[in-house]
């Protein structure tokens, strides 16, 4: 995992592990990645962690 982003925005985003969108909108400034972990609270304070390694993605997937 090379990039972590905190943000203020969407409220109550479910804690989730996602693959990048196939349409190409999840390009993360050209960084290659296999997915991301994201979520936010009721006030919209959230985070996104971009995952670049398939083994890391699968380990997180097993945990959650």
PDB file of N, CA and C in Angstrom:
ATOM      1  N   UNK A   1       0.857  -1.167   0.000  1.00  0.00           N
ATOM      2  CA  UNK A   1       0.000   0.000   0.000  1.00  0.00           C
ATOM      3  C   UNK A   1       0.900   1.225   0.000  1.00  0.00           C
ATOM      4  N   UNK A   2       0.728   2.059  -0.969  1.00  0.00           N
ATOM      5  CA  UNK A   2       1.638   3.187  -1.069  1.00  0.00           C
ATOM      6  C   UNK A   2       0.973   4.526  -0.808  1.00  0.00           C
ATOM      7  N   UNK A   3      -0.327   4.591  -0.923  1.00  0.00           N
ATOM      8  CA  UNK A   3      -0.964   5.888  -0.775  1.00  0.00           C
ATOM      9  C   UNK A   3      -2.182   5.776   0.123  1.00  0.00           C
ATOM     10  N   UNK A   4      -2.260   6.681   1.080  1.00  0.00           N
ATOM     11  CA  UNK A   4      -3.427   6.735   1.941  1.00  0.00           C
ATOM     12  C   UNK A   4      -4.027   8.128   1.820  1.00  0.00           C
ATOM     13  N   UNK A   5      -5.322   8.188   1.704  1.00  0.00           N
ATOM     14  CA  UNK A   5      -5.996   9.465   1.521  1.00  0.00           C
ATOM     15  C   UNK A   5      -7.100   9.586   2.564  1.00  0.00           C
ATOM     16  N   UNK A   6      -7.101  10.691   3.280  1.00  0.00           N
ATOM     17  CA  UNK A   6      -8.237  10.994   4.158  1.00  0.00           C
ATOM     18  C   UNK A   6      -9.013  12.120   3.503  1.00  0.00           C
ATOM     19  N   UNK A   7     -10.296  12.151   3.729  1.00  0.00           N
ATOM     20  CA  UNK A   7     -11.134  13.136   3.060  1.00  0.00           C
ATOM     21  C   UNK A   7     -12.368  13.464   3.878  1.00  0.00           C
ATOM     22  N   UNK A   8     -13.013  14.539   3.505  1.00  0.00           N
ATOM     23  CA  UNK A   8     -14.276  14.974   4.088  1.00  0.00           C
ATOM     24  C   UNK A   8     -15.277  15.001   2.956  1.00  0.00           C
ATOM     25  N   UNK A   9     -16.295  14.165   3.023  1.00  0.00           N
ATOM     26  CA  UNK A   9     -17.239  14.112   1.911  1.00  0.00           C
ATOM     27  C   UNK A   9     -18.412  13.205   2.180  1.00  0.00           C
ATOM     28  N   UNK A  10     -18.502  12.132   1.430  1.00  0.00           N
ATOM     29  CA  UNK A  10     -19.633  11.218   1.497  1.00  0.00           C
ATOM     30  C   UNK A  10     -19.845  10.708   2.920  1.00  0.00           C
ATOM     31  N   UNK A  11     -21.060  10.811   3.405  1.00  0.00           N
ATOM     32  CA  UNK A  11     -21.387  10.368   4.757  1.00  0.00           C
ATOM     33  C   UNK A  11     -21.760   8.891   4.756  1.00  0.00           C
ATOM     34  N   UNK A  12     -21.357   8.219   5.840  1.00  0.00           N
ATOM     35  CA  UNK A  12     -21.735   6.823   6.065  1.00  0.00           C
ATOM     36  C   UNK A  12     -21.370   5.878   4.918  1.00  0.00           C
ATOM     37  N   UNK A  13     -20.210   6.092   4.309  1.00  0.00           N
ATOM     38  CA  UNK A  13     -19.771   5.140   3.282  1.00  0.00           C
ATOM     39  C   UNK A  13     -19.442   3.827   3.991  1.00  0.00           C
ATOM     40  N   UNK A  14     -20.060   2.770   3.530  1.00  0.00           N
ATOM     41  CA  UNK A  14     -19.831   1.459   4.120  1.00  0.00           C
ATOM     42  C   UNK A  14     -18.351   1.088   4.026  1.00  0.00           C
ATOM     43  N   UNK A  15     -17.812   0.524   5.109  1.00  0.00           N
ATOM     44  CA  UNK A  15     -16.442   0.031   5.106  1.00  0.00           C
ATOM     45  C   UNK A  15     -16.377  -1.085   4.080  1.00  0.00           C
ATOM     46  N   UNK A  16     -15.546  -0.911   3.044  1.00  0.00           N
ATOM     47  CA  UNK A  16     -15.541  -1.892   1.973  1.00  0.00           C
ATOM     48  C   UNK A  16     -14.196  -1.988   1.266  1.00  0.00           C
ATOM     49  N   UNK A  17     -13.974  -3.142   0.712  1.00  0.00           N
ATOM     50  CA  UNK A  17     -12.807  -3.422  -0.106  1.00  0.00           C
ATOM     51  C   UNK A  17     -13.325  -3.531  -1.530  1.00  0.00           C
ATOM     52  N   UNK A  18     -12.744  -2.764  -2.443  1.00  0.00           N
ATOM     53  CA  UNK A  18     -13.239  -2.717  -3.815  1.00  0.00           C
ATOM     54  C   UNK A  18     -12.120  -2.890  -4.822  1.00  0.00           C
ATOM     55  N   UNK A  19     -12.445  -3.451  -5.961  1.00  0.00           N
ATOM     56  CA  UNK A  19     -11.549  -3.486  -7.111  1.00  0.00           C
ATOM     57  C   UNK A  19     -11.712  -2.163  -7.868  1.00  0.00           C
ATOM     58  N   UNK A  20     -10.689  -1.743  -8.619  1.00  0.00           N
ATOM     59  CA  UNK A  20     -10.839  -0.522  -9.415  1.00  0.00           C
ATOM     60  C   UNK A  20     -11.962  -0.687 -10.441  1.00  0.00           C
ATOM     61  N   UNK A  21     -12.596   0.398 -10.755  1.00  0.00           N
ATOM     62  CA  UNK A  21     -13.665   0.391 -11.745  1.00  0.00           C
ATOM     63  C   UNK A  21     -13.087   0.048 -13.119  1.00  0.00           C
ATOM     64  N   UNK A  22     -13.762  -0.804 -13.855  1.00  0.00           N
ATOM     65  CA  UNK A  22     -13.288  -1.217 -15.178  1.00  0.00           C
ATOM     66  C   UNK A  22     -13.348  -0.100 -16.209  1.00  0.00           C
ATOM     67  N   UNK A  23     -14.109   0.959 -15.923  1.00  0.00           N
ATOM     68  CA  UNK A  23     -14.221   2.052 -16.892  1.00  0.00           C
ATOM     69  C   UNK A  23     -12.978   2.948 -16.896  1.00  0.00           C
ATOM     70  N   UNK A  24     -12.078   2.756 -15.931  1.00  0.00           N
ATOM     71  CA  UNK A  24     -10.852   3.535 -15.904  1.00  0.00           C
ATOM     72  C   UNK A  24     -10.911   4.787 -15.047  1.00  0.00           C
ATOM     73  N   UNK A  25     -12.009   5.004 -14.331  1.00  0.00           N
ATOM     74  CA  UNK A  25     -12.121   6.215 -13.515  1.00  0.00           C
ATOM     75  C   UNK A  25     -11.275   6.137 -12.239  1.00  0.00           C
ATOM     76  N   UNK A  26     -10.830   4.947 -11.859  1.00  0.00           N
ATOM     77  CA  UNK A  26      -9.992   4.763 -10.671  1.00  0.00           C
ATOM     78  C   UNK A  26      -8.519   4.655 -11.065  1.00  0.00           C
ATOM     79  N   UNK A  27      -7.967   5.691 -11.635  1.00  0.00           N
ATOM     80  CA  UNK A  27      -6.599   5.617 -12.136  1.00  0.00           C
ATOM     81  C   UNK A  27      -5.558   6.049 -11.115  1.00  0.00           C
ATOM     82  N   UNK A  28      -5.929   6.774 -10.079  1.00  0.00           N
ATOM     83  CA  UNK A  28      -5.016   7.172  -8.997  1.00  0.00           C
ATOM     84  C   UNK A  28      -3.711   7.753  -9.530  1.00  0.00           C
ATOM     85  N   UNK A  29      -3.847   8.741 -10.400  1.00  0.00           N
ATOM     86  CA  UNK A  29      -2.688   9.443 -10.970  1.00  0.00           C
ATOM     87  C   UNK A  29      -1.714   8.485 -11.647  1.00  0.00           C
ATOM     88  N   UNK A  30      -2.230   7.457 -12.298  1.00  0.00           N
ATOM     89  CA  UNK A  30      -1.403   6.524 -13.036  1.00  0.00           C
ATOM     90  C   UNK A  30      -0.821   5.384 -12.227  1.00  0.00           C
ATOM     91  N   UNK A  31      -1.050   5.379 -10.904  1.00  0.00           N
ATOM     92  CA  UNK A  31      -0.510   4.300 -10.074  1.00  0.00           C
ATOM     93  C   UNK A  31      -1.248   2.999 -10.385  1.00  0.00           C
ATOM     94  N   UNK A  32      -0.494   1.951 -10.629  1.00  0.00           N
ATOM     95  CA  UNK A  32      -1.124   0.658 -10.850  1.00  0.00           C
ATOM     96  C   UNK A  32      -1.626   0.147  -9.515  1.00  0.00           C
ATOM     97  N   UNK A  33      -2.802  -0.417  -9.528  1.00  0.00           N
ATOM     98  CA  UNK A  33      -3.358  -0.930  -8.294  1.00  0.00           C
ATOM     99  C   UNK A  33      -4.338  -2.048  -8.539  1.00  0.00           C
ATOM    100  N   UNK A  34      -4.593  -2.802  -7.494  1.00  0.00           N
ATOM    101  CA  UNK A  34      -5.513  -3.929  -7.593  1.00  0.00           C
ATOM    102  C   UNK A  34      -6.820  -3.654  -6.861  1.00  0.00           C
ATOM    103  N   UNK A  35      -6.873  -2.550  -6.104  1.00  0.00           N
ATOM    104  CA  UNK A  35      -8.092  -2.217  -5.390  1.00  0.00           C
ATOM    105  C   UNK A  35      -7.850  -1.200  -4.297  1.00  0.00           C
ATOM    106  N   UNK A  36      -8.883  -0.987  -3.477  1.00  0.00           N
ATOM    107  CA  UNK A  36      -8.777  -0.021  -2.393  1.00  0.00           C
ATOM    108  C   UNK A  36      -9.717  -0.383  -1.255  1.00  0.00           C
ATOM    109  N   UNK A  37      -9.358   0.079  -0.069  1.00  0.00           N
ATOM    110  CA  UNK A  37     -10.149  -0.077   1.147  1.00  0.00           C
ATOM    111  C   UNK A  37     -10.658   1.308   1.494  1.00  0.00           C
ATOM    112  N   UNK A  38     -11.959   1.437   1.769  1.00  0.00           N
ATOM    113  CA  UNK A  38     -12.528   2.768   1.979  1.00  0.00           C
ATOM    114  C   UNK A  38     -13.685   2.722   2.971  1.00  0.00           C
ATOM    115  N   UNK A  39     -14.006   3.859   3.533  1.00  0.00           N
ATOM    116  CA  UNK A  39     -15.141   3.995   4.445  1.00  0.00           C
ATOM    117  C   UNK A  39     -15.208   5.393   5.008  1.00  0.00           C
ATOM    118  N   UNK A  40     -16.351   5.761   5.565  1.00  0.00           N
ATOM    119  CA  UNK A  40     -16.500   7.061   6.219  1.00  0.00           C
ATOM    120  C   UNK A  40     -17.536   6.982   7.325  1.00  0.00           C
ATOM    121  N   UNK A  41     -17.503   7.973   8.216  1.00  0.00           N
ATOM    122  CA  UNK A  41     -18.442   8.000   9.333  1.00  0.00           C
ATOM    123  C   UNK A  41     -19.641   8.883   9.024  1.00  0.00           C
ATOM    124  N   UNK A  42     -20.509   9.063  10.015  1.00  0.00           N
ATOM    125  CA  UNK A  42     -21.746   9.814   9.791  1.00  0.00           C
ATOM    126  C   UNK A  42     -21.513  11.285   9.489  1.00  0.00           C
ATOM    127  N   UNK A  43     -20.344  11.815   9.850  1.00  0.00           N
ATOM    128  CA  UNK A  43     -20.064  13.220   9.542  1.00  0.00           C
ATOM    129  C   UNK A  43     -19.327  13.388   8.215  1.00  0.00           C
ATOM    130  N   UNK A  44     -19.012  12.264   7.543  1.00  0.00           N
ATOM    131  CA  UNK A  44     -18.348  12.334   6.248  1.00  0.00           C
ATOM    132  C   UNK A  44     -16.840  12.292   6.306  1.00  0.00           C
ATOM    133  N   UNK A  45     -16.276  12.067   7.489  1.00  0.00           N
ATOM    134  CA  UNK A  45     -14.824  11.915   7.595  1.00  0.00           C
ATOM    135  C   UNK A  45     -14.484  10.492   7.196  1.00  0.00           C
ATOM    136  N   UNK A  46     -13.645  10.358   6.173  1.00  0.00           N
ATOM    137  CA  UNK A  46     -13.369   9.029   5.662  1.00  0.00           C
ATOM    138  C   UNK A  46     -11.938   8.840   5.237  1.00  0.00           C
ATOM    139  N   UNK A  47     -11.693   7.673   4.679  1.00  0.00           N
ATOM    140  CA  UNK A  47     -10.350   7.343   4.213  1.00  0.00           C
ATOM    141  C   UNK A  47     -10.455   6.421   3.007  1.00  0.00           C
ATOM    142  N   UNK A  48      -9.399   6.422   2.238  1.00  0.00           N
ATOM    143  CA  UNK A  48      -9.227   5.473   1.149  1.00  0.00           C
ATOM    144  C   UNK A  48      -7.776   5.044   1.140  1.00  0.00           C
ATOM    145  N   UNK A  49      -7.537   3.746   1.086  1.00  0.00           N
ATOM    146  CA  UNK A  49      -6.182   3.203   0.992  1.00  0.00           C
ATOM    147  C   UNK A  49      -6.092   2.464  -0.336  1.00  0.00           C
ATOM    148  N   UNK A  50      -5.232   2.952  -1.219  1.00  0.00           N
ATOM    149  CA  UNK A  50      -5.023   2.339  -2.530  1.00  0.00           C
ATOM    150  C   UNK A  50      -4.070   1.163  -2.363  1.00  0.00           C
ATOM    151  N   UNK A  51      -4.431   0.004  -2.860  1.00  0.00           N
ATOM    152  CA  UNK A  51      -3.644  -1.214  -2.683  1.00  0.00           C
ATOM    153  C   UNK A  51      -3.018  -1.593  -4.026  1.00  0.00           C
ATOM    154  N   UNK A  52      -1.704  -1.747  -4.026  1.00  0.00           N
ATOM    155  CA  UNK A  52      -0.985  -2.029  -5.271  1.00  0.00           C
ATOM    156  C   UNK A  52      -0.571  -3.489  -5.415  1.00  0.00           C
ATOM    157  N   UNK A  53      -0.761  -4.293  -4.400  1.00  0.00           N
ATOM    158  CA  UNK A  53      -0.269  -5.668  -4.403  1.00  0.00           C
ATOM    159  C   UNK A  53      -1.430  -6.642  -4.233  1.00  0.00           C
ATOM    160  N   UNK A  54      -1.538  -7.611  -5.128  1.00  0.00           N
ATOM    161  CA  UNK A  54      -2.639  -8.585  -5.078  1.00  0.00           C
ATOM    162  C   UNK A  54      -2.623  -9.409  -3.796  1.00  0.00           C
ATOM    163  N   UNK A  55      -1.451  -9.781  -3.310  1.00  0.00           N
ATOM    164  CA  UNK A  55      -1.377 -10.571  -2.079  1.00  0.00           C
ATOM    165  C   UNK A  55      -1.912  -9.781  -0.885  1.00  0.00           C
ATOM    166  N   UNK A  56      -1.622  -8.488  -0.843  1.00  0.00           N
ATOM    167  CA  UNK A  56      -2.134  -7.633   0.232  1.00  0.00           C
ATOM    168  C   UNK A  56      -3.658  -7.535   0.119  1.00  0.00           C
ATOM    169  N   UNK A  57      -4.157  -7.336  -1.100  1.00  0.00           N
ATOM    170  CA  UNK A  57      -5.603  -7.261  -1.313  1.00  0.00           C
ATOM    171  C   UNK A  57      -6.286  -8.532  -0.808  1.00  0.00           C
ATOM    172  N   UNK A  58      -5.751  -9.675  -1.174  1.00  0.00           N
ATOM    173  CA  UNK A  58      -6.354 -10.948  -0.770  1.00  0.00           C
ATOM    174  C   UNK A  58      -6.284 -11.159   0.741  1.00  0.00           C
ATOM    175  N   UNK A  59      -5.202 -10.712   1.374  1.00  0.00           N
ATOM    176  CA  UNK A  59      -5.097 -10.829   2.829  1.00  0.00           C
ATOM    177  C   UNK A  59      -6.156  -9.972   3.522  1.00  0.00           C
ATOM    178  N   UNK A  60      -6.353  -8.768   3.038  1.00  0.00           N
ATOM    179  CA  UNK A  60      -7.404  -7.900   3.610  1.00  0.00           C
ATOM    180  C   UNK A  60      -8.768  -8.503   3.367  1.00  0.00           C
ATOM    181  N   UNK A  61      -8.978  -9.046   2.190  1.00  0.00           N
ATOM    182  CA  UNK A  61     -10.268  -9.664   1.844  1.00  0.00           C
ATOM    183  C   UNK A  61     -10.583 -10.818   2.806  1.00  0.00           C
ATOM    184  N   UNK A  62      -9.586 -11.611   3.134  1.00  0.00           N
ATOM    185  CA  UNK A  62      -9.800 -12.724   4.080  1.00  0.00           C
ATOM    186  C   UNK A  62     -10.174 -12.212   5.477  1.00  0.00           C
ATOM    187  N   UNK A  63      -9.552 -11.126   5.887  1.00  0.00           N
ATOM    188  CA  UNK A  63      -9.796 -10.582   7.223  1.00  0.00           C
ATOM    189  C   UNK A  63     -11.186  -9.988   7.358  1.00  0.00           C
ATOM    190  N   UNK A  64     -11.609  -9.264   6.334  1.00  0.00           N
ATOM    191  CA  UNK A  64     -12.917  -8.607   6.465  1.00  0.00           C
ATOM    192  C   UNK A  64     -14.012  -9.476   5.884  1.00  0.00           C
TER     193      UNK A  64
END
